[in-house]
Amino acid sequence: MRIDLFLWYVRLAKTRSAAQAIAVRGLLRIDGRRIERAHCPVRVGMVIAFPNDGRVQILRVDALPHRRGPPAEALTHYTRLEPTGAAPVDGGEDPA
């Protein structure tokens, strides 16, 4: 499945165009590799990281969706992971 479709199906982007924009900006990473194309494949078990709303979102893909379903269904396709030792996106002080 393409990364832009995944982001749109699981409701991390409001539109498919917005999902494509996230991918081509070069800020998205899959398993630590920088992604600059919307057609990059996503598979179960991959870890996706990207900035969203002023903080870094880190997700593990648990299942590939077949459609853009309701929000409750979208949450079943990924697990949010906590960043470890990552600096804040806004450049603020690290509390540790």
Foldseek 3Di string as FASTA:
>chain_A
DWQLVLCCLLVVAVDSVRSQVQQQVQQKDKQRHTGRGRRDDDDAQIWIWGDDPQFIWIKGAHAGDPGNDDNVVSVVGIDTDDDDPDQGSVNDDDPD
